[in-house]
């Protein structure tokens, strides 16, 4: 029996060698949820994968960008809560249980998103400590006092100099958010832009300090591809300029370029 309130949707892209690991981790949740695969790159591999794991698969006929793929996935959700499970990642067994437990607390019913801490696993450099990941955790300092914030200014403040919210860790409250789309202006920072827009809405951001997923980075991941073709820095500059005046945005970009080189 699956939980009727939550769905994991995997926006599958091409034939990931890691996607079945992701599916296995979703099936091992202490509270089972509905699982769905959406894709704009249908293949025999994905068809057989879905059949083997008894998962419905839906094809997006109009997908030619990550934002369109995510938007199709979001619109495919028919439950109150949704997690866009990235195909390369692994979810630890208590992810769903803890996210739902916190979202359903009487004082938290107005939540927009619940997001969690996570492990980062670089396939080619598994033991290297990520400077950027350490900085992201510092940006979430406000959650030292409580695990939720409602004030719009405070929600935007944690996003003012970077994006500390890992998209694959996020559980969306679809009922409270309502109709929503990721911006097609971005190929890498759709999520940062999304959080900034959601921060303007009434409702809580909830952060769980427990590491409840493993974010896997490898040379063929979309994160790595966007870094190689310089989309990441260009989009980060665009968002920073939308938040700060030009001199401050320029200074922050120098720091970004330096930290990217170290990673």
C-alpha atoms as a PDB file:
ATOM      1  CA  UNK A   1       0.000   0.000   0.000  1.00  0.00           C
ATOM      2  CA  UNK A   2       1.365   3.427  -0.956  1.00  0.00           C
ATOM      3  CA  UNK A   3       0.983   6.760   0.778  1.00  0.00           C
ATOM      4  CA  UNK A   4      -1.776   8.684  -1.014  1.00  0.00           C
ATOM      5  CA  UNK A   5      -0.331  12.102  -0.141  1.00  0.00           C
ATOM      6  CA  UNK A   6       3.120  11.906  -1.762  1.00  0.00           C
ATOM      7  CA  UNK A   7       4.585  11.116  -5.170  1.00  0.00           C
ATOM      8  CA  UNK A   8       8.165  10.659  -6.317  1.00  0.00           C
ATOM      9  CA  UNK A   9       8.450  11.678  -9.965  1.00  0.00           C
ATOM     10  CA  UNK A  10      11.699  10.946 -11.800  1.00  0.00           C
ATOM     11  CA  UNK A  11      12.200  13.267 -14.803  1.00  0.00           C
ATOM     12  CA  UNK A  12      14.366  10.750 -16.661  1.00  0.00           C
ATOM     13  CA  UNK A  13      16.785  11.980 -19.316  1.00  0.00           C
ATOM     14  CA  UNK A  14      18.227   9.468 -21.777  1.00  0.00           C
ATOM     15  CA  UNK A  15      19.517   6.189 -20.290  1.00  0.00           C
ATOM     16  CA  UNK A  16      21.140   6.815 -16.928  1.00  0.00           C
ATOM     17  CA  UNK A  17      23.229   3.978 -15.532  1.00  0.00           C
ATOM     18  CA  UNK A  18      22.258   5.160 -12.038  1.00  0.00           C
ATOM     19  CA  UNK A  19      18.476   5.453 -12.392  1.00  0.00           C
ATOM     20  CA  UNK A  20      17.662   1.975 -11.109  1.00  0.00           C
ATOM     21  CA  UNK A  21      19.666   2.672  -7.931  1.00  0.00           C
ATOM     22  CA  UNK A  22      17.452   5.725  -7.488  1.00  0.00           C
ATOM     23  CA  UNK A  23      14.290   3.642  -7.989  1.00  0.00           C
ATOM     24  CA  UNK A  24      15.450   1.007  -5.496  1.00  0.00           C
ATOM     25  CA  UNK A  25      16.024   3.736  -2.887  1.00  0.00           C
ATOM     26  CA  UNK A  26      12.499   5.100  -3.448  1.00  0.00           C
ATOM     27  CA  UNK A  27      11.026   1.635  -3.010  1.00  0.00           C
ATOM     28  CA  UNK A  28      12.923   1.188   0.268  1.00  0.00           C
ATOM     29  CA  UNK A  29      11.296   4.197   1.952  1.00  0.00           C
ATOM     30  CA  UNK A  30       9.781   3.446   5.360  1.00  0.00           C
ATOM     31  CA  UNK A  31       6.576   5.053   4.071  1.00  0.00           C
ATOM     32  CA  UNK A  32       5.936   3.957   0.463  1.00  0.00           C
ATOM     33  CA  UNK A  33       4.858   6.585  -2.049  1.00  0.00           C
ATOM     34  CA  UNK A  34       3.570   6.587  -5.599  1.00  0.00           C
ATOM     35  CA  UNK A  35       6.463   6.508  -8.092  1.00  0.00           C
ATOM     36  CA  UNK A  36       6.218   7.853 -11.636  1.00  0.00           C
ATOM     37  CA  UNK A  37       8.748   8.306 -14.448  1.00  0.00           C
ATOM     38  CA  UNK A  38       8.398  11.164 -16.929  1.00  0.00           C
ATOM     39  CA  UNK A  39      10.675  11.649 -19.922  1.00  0.00           C
ATOM     40  CA  UNK A  40      11.115  13.598 -23.139  1.00  0.00           C
ATOM     41  CA  UNK A  41      13.698  11.053 -24.354  1.00  0.00           C
ATOM     42  CA  UNK A  42      11.750   7.771 -24.495  1.00  0.00           C
ATOM     43  CA  UNK A  43      13.742   4.608 -25.154  1.00  0.00           C
ATOM     44  CA  UNK A  44      13.495   0.842 -24.932  1.00  0.00           C
ATOM     45  CA  UNK A  45      15.790   1.051 -21.888  1.00  0.00           C
ATOM     46  CA  UNK A  46      13.301   3.258 -19.990  1.00  0.00           C
ATOM     47  CA  UNK A  47      10.293   1.229 -21.126  1.00  0.00           C
ATOM     48  CA  UNK A  48      11.840  -2.015 -19.873  1.00  0.00           C
ATOM     49  CA  UNK A  49      13.030  -0.319 -16.676  1.00  0.00           C
ATOM     50  CA  UNK A  50       9.504   0.925 -15.925  1.00  0.00           C
ATOM     51  CA  UNK A  51       7.964  -2.468 -16.686  1.00  0.00           C
ATOM     52  CA  UNK A  52      10.534  -4.306 -14.576  1.00  0.00           C
ATOM     53  CA  UNK A  53       9.820  -2.074 -11.595  1.00  0.00           C
ATOM     54  CA  UNK A  54       6.048  -1.826 -12.155  1.00  0.00           C
ATOM     55  CA  UNK A  55       6.203   1.980 -12.569  1.00  0.00           C
ATOM     56  CA  UNK A  56       4.072   4.106 -14.872  1.00  0.00           C
ATOM     57  CA  UNK A  57       6.006   6.105 -17.466  1.00  0.00           C
ATOM     58  CA  UNK A  58       4.676   9.229 -19.216  1.00  0.00           C
ATOM     59  CA  UNK A  59       6.243  10.866 -22.258  1.00  0.00           C
ATOM     60  CA  UNK A  60       6.574  14.621 -22.632  1.00  0.00           C
ATOM     61  CA  UNK A  61       6.243  15.334 -26.356  1.00  0.00           C
ATOM     62  CA  UNK A  62       7.285  18.982 -25.980  1.00  0.00           C
ATOM     63  CA  UNK A  63      10.430  18.707 -23.887  1.00  0.00           C
ATOM     64  CA  UNK A  64      13.626  20.254 -25.177  1.00  0.00           C
ATOM     65  CA  UNK A  65      14.930  21.755 -21.938  1.00  0.00           C
ATOM     66  CA  UNK A  66      15.340  20.775 -18.299  1.00  0.00           C
ATOM     67  CA  UNK A  67      12.759  23.373 -17.273  1.00  0.00           C
ATOM     68  CA  UNK A  68      10.162  21.874 -19.644  1.00  0.00           C
ATOM     69  CA  UNK A  69      10.923  18.390 -18.330  1.00  0.00           C
ATOM     70  CA  UNK A  70      10.517  19.529 -14.718  1.00  0.00           C
ATOM     71  CA  UNK A  71       7.342  21.456 -15.539  1.00  0.00           C
ATOM     72  CA  UNK A  72       5.825  18.385 -17.189  1.00  0.00           C
ATOM     73  CA  UNK A  73       6.747  16.336 -14.123  1.00  0.00           C
ATOM     74  CA  UNK A  74       5.253  18.905 -11.744  1.00  0.00           C
ATOM     75  CA  UNK A  75       1.989  18.996 -13.719  1.00  0.00           C
ATOM     76  CA  UNK A  76       1.883  15.181 -13.695  1.00  0.00           C
ATOM     77  CA  UNK A  77       1.541  15.108  -9.916  1.00  0.00           C
ATOM     78  CA  UNK A  78      -1.920  14.291  -8.561  1.00  0.00           C
ATOM     79  CA  UNK A  79      -1.015  14.169  -4.858  1.00  0.00           C
ATOM     80  CA  UNK A  80      -0.610  16.843  -2.188  1.00  0.00           C
ATOM     81  CA  UNK A  81       3.162  16.456  -1.992  1.00  0.00           C
ATOM     82  CA  UNK A  82       5.766  15.940  -4.717  1.00  0.00           C
ATOM     83  CA  UNK A  83       9.479  15.197  -4.837  1.00  0.00           C
ATOM     84  CA  UNK A  84      11.270  15.539  -8.167  1.00  0.00           C
ATOM     85  CA  UNK A  85      13.685  12.649  -7.703  1.00  0.00           C
ATOM     86  CA  UNK A  86      16.824  13.189  -9.758  1.00  0.00           C
ATOM     87  CA  UNK A  87      17.734  10.037 -11.630  1.00  0.00           C
ATOM     88  CA  UNK A  88      21.346   9.872 -10.406  1.00  0.00           C
ATOM     89  CA  UNK A  89      20.552  10.352  -6.719  1.00  0.00           C
ATOM     90  CA  UNK A  90      19.769   8.048  -3.815  1.00  0.00           C
ATOM     91  CA  UNK A  91      17.174   8.690  -1.108  1.00  0.00           C
ATOM     92  CA  UNK A  92      17.794   7.349   2.371  1.00  0.00           C
ATOM     93  CA  UNK A  93      14.969   5.241   3.879  1.00  0.00           C
ATOM     94  CA  UNK A  94      13.555   7.893   6.238  1.00  0.00           C
ATOM     95  CA  UNK A  95      13.348  10.713   3.657  1.00  0.00           C
ATOM     96  CA  UNK A  96       9.599  10.502   3.040  1.00  0.00           C
ATOM     97  CA  UNK A  97       8.658   9.722   6.632  1.00  0.00           C
ATOM     98  CA  UNK A  98      10.549  12.675   8.119  1.00  0.00           C
ATOM     99  CA  UNK A  99       9.506  15.137   5.416  1.00  0.00           C
ATOM    100  CA  UNK A 100       5.822  14.257   5.825  1.00  0.00           C
ATOM    101  CA  UNK A 101       6.021  14.237   9.627  1.00  0.00           C
ATOM    102  CA  UNK A 102       7.342  17.804   9.641  1.00  0.00           C
ATOM    103  CA  UNK A 103       5.035  19.058   6.893  1.00  0.00           C
ATOM    104  CA  UNK A 104       1.948  17.682   8.637  1.00  0.00           C
ATOM    105  CA  UNK A 105       2.614  19.212  12.057  1.00  0.00           C
ATOM    106  CA  UNK A 106      -0.360  21.470  12.935  1.00  0.00           C
ATOM    107  CA  UNK A 107       1.800  24.619  12.957  1.00  0.00           C
ATOM    108  CA  UNK A 108       3.419  23.732   9.633  1.00  0.00           C
ATOM    109  CA  UNK A 109       0.369  23.084   7.479  1.00  0.00           C
ATOM    110  CA  UNK A 110       1.059  26.303   5.558  1.00  0.00           C
ATOM    111  CA  UNK A 111       4.412  24.980   4.288  1.00  0.00           C
ATOM    112  CA  UNK A 112       5.471  25.522   0.679  1.00  0.00           C
ATOM    113  CA  UNK A 113       8.529  23.281   0.620  1.00  0.00           C
ATOM    114  CA  UNK A 114      10.371  20.905   2.919  1.00  0.00           C
ATOM    115  CA  UNK A 115      14.025  20.364   2.053  1.00  0.00           C
ATOM    116  CA  UNK A 116      16.770  18.329   3.664  1.00  0.00           C
ATOM    117  CA  UNK A 117      20.481  18.173   4.228  1.00  0.00           C
ATOM    118  CA  UNK A 118      22.338  15.743   1.993  1.00  0.00           C
ATOM    119  CA  UNK A 119      25.555  13.962   1.176  1.00  0.00           C
ATOM    120  CA  UNK A 120      27.456  14.845  -1.976  1.00  0.00           C
ATOM    121  CA  UNK A 121      29.191  12.022  -3.810  1.00  0.00           C
ATOM    122  CA  UNK A 122      31.585  12.868  -6.633  1.00  0.00           C
ATOM    123  CA  UNK A 123      32.127   9.699  -8.621  1.00  0.00           C
ATOM    124  CA  UNK A 124      35.543  10.762  -9.897  1.00  0.00           C
ATOM    125  CA  UNK A 125      36.669  12.382  -6.609  1.00  0.00           C
ATOM    126  CA  UNK A 126      34.716  10.637  -3.834  1.00  0.00           C
ATOM    127  CA  UNK A 127      36.877  11.824  -0.944  1.00  0.00           C
ATOM    128  CA  UNK A 128      37.281  15.457  -1.940  1.00  0.00           C
ATOM    129  CA  UNK A 129      35.625  17.945   0.429  1.00  0.00           C
ATOM    130  CA  UNK A 130      33.439  20.462  -1.395  1.00  0.00           C
ATOM    131  CA  UNK A 131      34.037  24.095  -0.442  1.00  0.00           C
ATOM    132  CA  UNK A 132      30.784  25.134  -2.120  1.00  0.00           C
ATOM    133  CA  UNK A 133      28.789  22.570  -0.139  1.00  0.00           C
ATOM    134  CA  UNK A 134      30.296  23.878   3.113  1.00  0.00           C
ATOM    135  CA  UNK A 135      29.316  27.451   2.183  1.00  0.00           C
ATOM    136  CA  UNK A 136      25.775  26.352   1.321  1.00  0.00           C
ATOM    137  CA  UNK A 137      25.350  24.915   4.784  1.00  0.00           C
ATOM    138  CA  UNK A 138      26.548  28.174   6.333  1.00  0.00           C
ATOM    139  CA  UNK A 139      23.913  30.072   4.313  1.00  0.00           C
ATOM    140  CA  UNK A 140      21.261  28.109   6.193  1.00  0.00           C
ATOM    141  CA  UNK A 141      22.413  29.536   9.552  1.00  0.00           C
ATOM    142  CA  UNK A 142      18.970  30.903  10.344  1.00  0.00           C
ATOM    143  CA  UNK A 143      17.667  27.352  10.746  1.00  0.00           C
ATOM    144  CA  UNK A 144      19.923  26.916  13.777  1.00  0.00           C
ATOM    145  CA  UNK A 145      17.113  28.417  15.851  1.00  0.00           C
ATOM    146  CA  UNK A 146      14.153  26.507  14.387  1.00  0.00           C
ATOM    147  CA  UNK A 147      13.550  24.321  11.381  1.00  0.00           C
ATOM    148  CA  UNK A 148      11.055  26.582   9.612  1.00  0.00           C
ATOM    149  CA  UNK A 149      10.774  30.194   8.493  1.00  0.00           C
ATOM    150  CA  UNK A 150       7.652  32.011   7.333  1.00  0.00           C
ATOM    151  CA  UNK A 151       8.838  35.601   6.935  1.00  0.00           C
ATOM    152  CA  UNK A 152       9.313  36.427   3.234  1.00  0.00           C
ATOM    153  CA  UNK A 153      12.386  38.582   3.860  1.00  0.00           C
ATOM    154  CA  UNK A 154      14.094  35.807   5.821  1.00  0.00           C
ATOM    155  CA  UNK A 155      13.235  33.247   3.161  1.00  0.00           C
ATOM    156  CA  UNK A 156      14.837  35.428   0.508  1.00  0.00           C
ATOM    157  CA  UNK A 157      17.819  36.209   2.746  1.00  0.00           C
ATOM    158  CA  UNK A 158      19.046  32.598   2.721  1.00  0.00           C
ATOM    159  CA  UNK A 159      19.024  32.816  -1.095  1.00  0.00           C
ATOM    160  CA  UNK A 160      20.625  36.241  -1.414  1.00  0.00           C
ATOM    161  CA  UNK A 161      24.203  35.169  -2.188  1.00  0.00           C
ATOM    162  CA  UNK A 162      23.714  31.587  -3.338  1.00  0.00           C
ATOM    163  CA  UNK A 163      21.406  28.620  -3.573  1.00  0.00           C
ATOM    164  CA  UNK A 164      21.734  26.374  -0.496  1.00  0.00           C
ATOM    165  CA  UNK A 165      18.576  24.367  -1.281  1.00  0.00           C
ATOM    166  CA  UNK A 166      19.272  21.131  -3.153  1.00  0.00           C
ATOM    167  CA  UNK A 167      16.428  20.639  -5.617  1.00  0.00           C
ATOM    168  CA  UNK A 168      16.361  16.816  -5.416  1.00  0.00           C
ATOM    169  CA  UNK A 169      15.907  17.048  -1.630  1.00  0.00           C
ATOM    170  CA  UNK A 170      12.823  19.271  -1.908  1.00  0.00           C
ATOM    171  CA  UNK A 171       9.314  18.043  -1.169  1.00  0.00           C
ATOM    172  CA  UNK A 172       6.828  20.485  -2.741  1.00  0.00           C
ATOM    173  CA  UNK A 173       3.443  21.137  -1.156  1.00  0.00           C
ATOM    174  CA  UNK A 174       1.564  21.204  -4.436  1.00  0.00           C
ATOM    175  CA  UNK A 175      -1.737  22.081  -2.740  1.00  0.00           C
ATOM    176  CA  UNK A 176      -0.277  25.232  -1.154  1.00  0.00           C
ATOM    177  CA  UNK A 177       1.924  26.265  -4.088  1.00  0.00           C
ATOM    178  CA  UNK A 178      -0.708  25.709  -6.746  1.00  0.00           C
ATOM    179  CA  UNK A 179       0.103  26.237 -10.405  1.00  0.00           C
ATOM    180  CA  UNK A 180       3.849  26.708 -10.824  1.00  0.00           C
ATOM    181  CA  UNK A 181       6.478  26.589 -13.557  1.00  0.00           C
ATOM    182  CA  UNK A 182      10.267  26.565 -13.586  1.00  0.00           C
ATOM    183  CA  UNK A 183      11.632  29.354 -15.768  1.00  0.00           C
ATOM    184  CA  UNK A 184      12.890  28.369 -19.214  1.00  0.00           C
ATOM    185  CA  UNK A 185      15.371  31.265 -19.015  1.00  0.00           C
ATOM    186  CA  UNK A 186      17.704  28.929 -17.135  1.00  0.00           C
ATOM    187  CA  UNK A 187      19.334  25.575 -17.838  1.00  0.00           C
ATOM    188  CA  UNK A 188      21.183  25.263 -14.528  1.00  0.00           C
ATOM    189  CA  UNK A 189      19.682  27.674 -12.004  1.00  0.00           C
ATOM    190  CA  UNK A 190      15.975  26.987 -12.547  1.00  0.00           C
ATOM    191  CA  UNK A 191      15.770  25.882  -8.921  1.00  0.00           C
ATOM    192  CA  UNK A 192      17.440  28.986  -7.426  1.00  0.00           C
ATOM    193  CA  UNK A 193      15.079  31.173  -9.438  1.00  0.00           C
ATOM    194  CA  UNK A 194      12.151  28.997  -8.314  1.00  0.00           C
ATOM    195  CA  UNK A 195      13.001  29.313  -4.604  1.00  0.00           C
ATOM    196  CA  UNK A 196      13.318  33.092  -4.933  1.00  0.00           C
ATOM    197  CA  UNK A 197       9.849  33.266  -6.457  1.00  0.00           C
ATOM    198  CA  UNK A 198       8.360  30.889  -3.898  1.00  0.00           C
ATOM    199  CA  UNK A 199       9.960  32.968  -1.118  1.00  0.00           C
ATOM    200  CA  UNK A 200       7.582  35.791  -2.080  1.00  0.00           C
ATOM    201  CA  UNK A 201       4.543  33.609  -1.412  1.00  0.00           C
ATOM    202  CA  UNK A 202       2.902  33.203   1.979  1.00  0.00           C
ATOM    203  CA  UNK A 203       3.960  29.959   3.594  1.00  0.00           C
ATOM    204  CA  UNK A 204       6.873  28.246   5.317  1.00  0.00           C
ATOM    205  CA  UNK A 205      10.181  26.868   4.139  1.00  0.00           C
ATOM    206  CA  UNK A 206      11.070  23.873   6.335  1.00  0.00           C
ATOM    207  CA  UNK A 207      14.627  22.558   6.575  1.00  0.00           C
ATOM    208  CA  UNK A 208      15.576  19.152   7.984  1.00  0.00           C
ATOM    209  CA  UNK A 209      19.182  19.017   9.155  1.00  0.00           C
ATOM    210  CA  UNK A 210      19.293  15.229   8.743  1.00  0.00           C
ATOM    211  CA  UNK A 211      21.168  14.070   5.648  1.00  0.00           C
ATOM    212  CA  UNK A 212      18.406  12.194   3.863  1.00  0.00           C
ATOM    213  CA  UNK A 213      19.707  11.841   0.321  1.00  0.00           C
ATOM    214  CA  UNK A 214      22.902  11.346  -1.655  1.00  0.00           C
ATOM    215  CA  UNK A 215      23.473  13.775  -4.519  1.00  0.00           C
ATOM    216  CA  UNK A 216      25.684  12.021  -7.050  1.00  0.00           C
ATOM    217  CA  UNK A 217      27.925  14.123  -9.329  1.00  0.00           C
ATOM    218  CA  UNK A 218      29.694  12.651 -12.342  1.00  0.00           C
ATOM    219  CA  UNK A 219      31.087  13.835 -15.661  1.00  0.00           C
ATOM    220  CA  UNK A 220      27.828  13.227 -17.563  1.00  0.00           C
ATOM    221  CA  UNK A 221      25.462  14.717 -15.002  1.00  0.00           C
ATOM    222  CA  UNK A 222      23.599  17.869 -16.034  1.00  0.00           C
ATOM    223  CA  UNK A 223      25.405  19.761 -13.257  1.00  0.00           C
ATOM    224  CA  UNK A 224      28.795  18.844 -14.733  1.00  0.00           C
ATOM    225  CA  UNK A 225      27.690  19.603 -18.305  1.00  0.00           C
ATOM    226  CA  UNK A 226      26.424  23.087 -17.381  1.00  0.00           C
ATOM    227  CA  UNK A 227      29.646  23.830 -15.498  1.00  0.00           C
ATOM    228  CA  UNK A 228      31.766  22.790 -18.501  1.00  0.00           C
ATOM    229  CA  UNK A 229      29.900  24.989 -20.966  1.00  0.00           C
ATOM    230  CA  UNK A 230      29.970  27.999 -18.582  1.00  0.00           C
ATOM    231  CA  UNK A 231      26.161  28.215 -18.334  1.00  0.00           C
ATOM    232  CA  UNK A 232      26.375  27.976 -14.578  1.00  0.00           C
ATOM    233  CA  UNK A 233      28.427  31.131 -14.017  1.00  0.00           C
ATOM    234  CA  UNK A 234      26.450  33.132 -16.583  1.00  0.00           C
ATOM    235  CA  UNK A 235      23.154  32.211 -14.956  1.00  0.00           C
ATOM    236  CA  UNK A 236      24.450  32.824 -11.445  1.00  0.00           C
ATOM    237  CA  UNK A 237      25.531  36.304 -12.505  1.00  0.00           C
ATOM    238  CA  UNK A 238      22.081  36.984 -13.957  1.00  0.00           C
ATOM    239  CA  UNK A 239      20.343  36.003 -10.722  1.00  0.00           C
ATOM    240  CA  UNK A 240      22.760  37.923  -8.496  1.00  0.00           C
ATOM    241  CA  UNK A 241      22.188  41.054 -10.603  1.00  0.00           C
ATOM    242  CA  UNK A 242      18.433  40.632 -10.065  1.00  0.00           C
ATOM    243  CA  UNK A 243      19.012  40.662  -6.289  1.00  0.00           C
ATOM    244  CA  UNK A 244      21.897  43.111  -5.825  1.00  0.00           C
ATOM    245  CA  UNK A 245      23.156  46.278  -7.436  1.00  0.00           C
ATOM    246  CA  UNK A 246      25.863  45.876 -10.081  1.00  0.00           C
ATOM    247  CA  UNK A 247      28.994  46.468  -7.894  1.00  0.00           C
ATOM    248  CA  UNK A 248      27.937  43.930  -5.242  1.00  0.00           C
ATOM    249  CA  UNK A 249      26.888  41.401  -7.889  1.00  0.00           C
ATOM    250  CA  UNK A 250      30.287  41.810  -9.545  1.00  0.00           C
ATOM    251  CA  UNK A 251      32.104  41.222  -6.257  1.00  0.00           C
ATOM    252  CA  UNK A 252      30.046  38.121  -5.535  1.00  0.00           C
ATOM    253  CA  UNK A 253      30.798  36.767  -9.017  1.00  0.00           C
ATOM    254  CA  UNK A 254      34.537  37.072  -8.373  1.00  0.00           C
ATOM    255  CA  UNK A 255      34.070  34.941  -5.268  1.00  0.00           C
ATOM    256  CA  UNK A 256      31.963  32.471  -7.257  1.00  0.00           C
ATOM    257  CA  UNK A 257      34.630  32.107  -9.949  1.00  0.00           C
ATOM    258  CA  UNK A 258      37.333  31.586  -7.352  1.00  0.00           C
ATOM    259  CA  UNK A 259      35.350  28.966  -5.433  1.00  0.00           C
ATOM    260  CA  UNK A 260      34.426  27.150  -8.665  1.00  0.00           C
ATOM    261  CA  UNK A 261      38.107  26.912  -9.565  1.00  0.00           C
ATOM    262  CA  UNK A 262      38.876  25.368  -6.167  1.00  0.00           C
ATOM    263  CA  UNK A 263      36.179  22.749  -6.628  1.00  0.00           C
END
